[in-house]
Protein backbone atom coordinates (compact mmCIF):
# COMPACT_ATOMS: atom_id res chain seq x y z
CA UNK A 1 -6.27 -9.51 11.21
CA UNK A 2 -7.04 -9.75 7.35
CA UNK A 3 -3.98 -11.15 6.54
CA UNK A 4 -5.82 -12.75 3.54
CA UNK A 5 -6.83 -9.95 1.64
CA UNK A 6 -2.63 -8.99 1.81
CA UNK A 7 -1.54 -11.91 0.74
CA UNK A 8 -4.20 -12.63 -1.94
CA UNK A 9 -3.70 -8.63 -3.29
CA UNK A 10 0.08 -9.07 -3.53
CA UNK A 11 -0.16 -12.13 -5.37
CA UNK A 12 -2.78 -10.49 -7.90
CA UNK A 13 -0.40 -7.61 -7.99
CA UNK A 14 2.45 -9.55 -8.89
CA UNK A 15 1.00 -11.36 -11.38
CA UNK A 16 -0.56 -8.58 -12.97
CA UNK A 17 3.61 -6.39 -12.99
CA UNK A 18 4.44 -9.62 -14.89
CA UNK A 19 1.50 -9.74 -17.70
CA UNK A 20 2.71 -6.17 -17.95
CA UNK A 21 6.70 -6.52 -17.84
CA UNK A 22 6.04 -9.79 -20.31
CA UNK A 23 3.45 -8.69 -23.07
CA UNK A 24 2.93 -5.14 -23.03
CA UNK A 25 6.12 -3.48 -22.32
CA UNK A 26 8.17 -6.52 -23.86
CA UNK A 27 10.33 -4.23 -25.49
CA UNK A 28 10.68 -1.25 -22.77
CA UNK A 29 13.68 -0.08 -21.47
CA UNK A 30 12.34 2.67 -19.05
CA UNK A 31 9.56 -0.08 -17.49
CA UNK A 32 11.82 -1.63 -14.70
CA UNK A 33 13.36 1.00 -14.04
CA UNK A 34 9.81 2.82 -13.22
CA UNK A 35 8.75 -0.15 -11.17
CA UNK A 36 11.98 -0.19 -8.83
CA UNK A 37 11.43 3.61 -8.46
CA UNK A 38 7.50 2.64 -7.27
CA UNK A 39 8.94 -0.10 -5.03
CA UNK A 40 11.37 1.88 -3.38
CA UNK A 41 8.65 4.61 -2.52
CA UNK A 42 5.93 2.01 -1.68
CA UNK A 43 8.89 0.42 1.17
CA UNK A 44 9.88 3.92 2.38
CA UNK A 45 5.92 5.11 3.06
CA UNK A 46 5.89 1.69 4.86
CA UNK A 47 8.44 2.80 7.24
CA UNK A 48 7.39 5.95 7.77
CA UNK A 49 4.39 4.89 8.25
CA UNK A 50 5.32 2.25 11.06
CA UNK A 51 7.65 5.06 12.67
CA UNK A 52 4.92 7.69 13.24
CA UNK A 53 1.98 5.19 13.88
CA UNK A 54 0.94 6.61 17.03
CA UNK A 55 0.94 10.27 15.91
CA UNK A 56 -1.24 9.50 11.99
CA UNK A 57 -3.45 7.74 14.67
CA UNK A 58 -3.93 10.27 16.85
CA UNK A 59 -4.30 12.96 13.93
CA UNK A 60 -6.74 10.68 12.16
CA UNK A 61 -8.63 10.59 15.51
CA UNK A 62 -8.73 13.95 15.80
CA UNK A 63 -10.10 14.56 12.42
CA UNK A 64 -11.93 11.97 11.06
CA UNK A 65 -16.06 12.67 11.07
CA UNK A 66 -17.80 10.87 14.05
CA UNK A 67 -19.10 8.59 11.63
CA UNK A 68 -15.92 7.29 9.86
CA UNK A 69 -14.54 6.95 13.42
CA UNK A 70 -17.28 4.77 14.02
CA UNK A 71 -16.73 2.04 11.06
CA UNK A 72 -12.83 1.32 12.78
CA UNK A 73 -12.69 -2.10 14.39
CA UNK A 74 -11.93 -1.73 18.02
CA UNK A 75 -12.07 1.89 18.21
CA UNK A 76 -8.23 2.26 16.34
CA UNK A 77 -7.71 3.73 13.20
């Protein structure tokens, strides 16, 4: 529902990582490997979440306080 936040957030992250790669870690050989490892971990976490989305939503509904549950849109986690 808030895809604009995701799109502009992704652009911001890409720009910042480009700055880090080009300016801050210009002569570092390890930075691209570390960045690739982090990217693979993010993709793997997304796949795990997608596969277990219903179980995660049920666990959150059972364990979150009522004050936090009221903040969810449409009663979903």
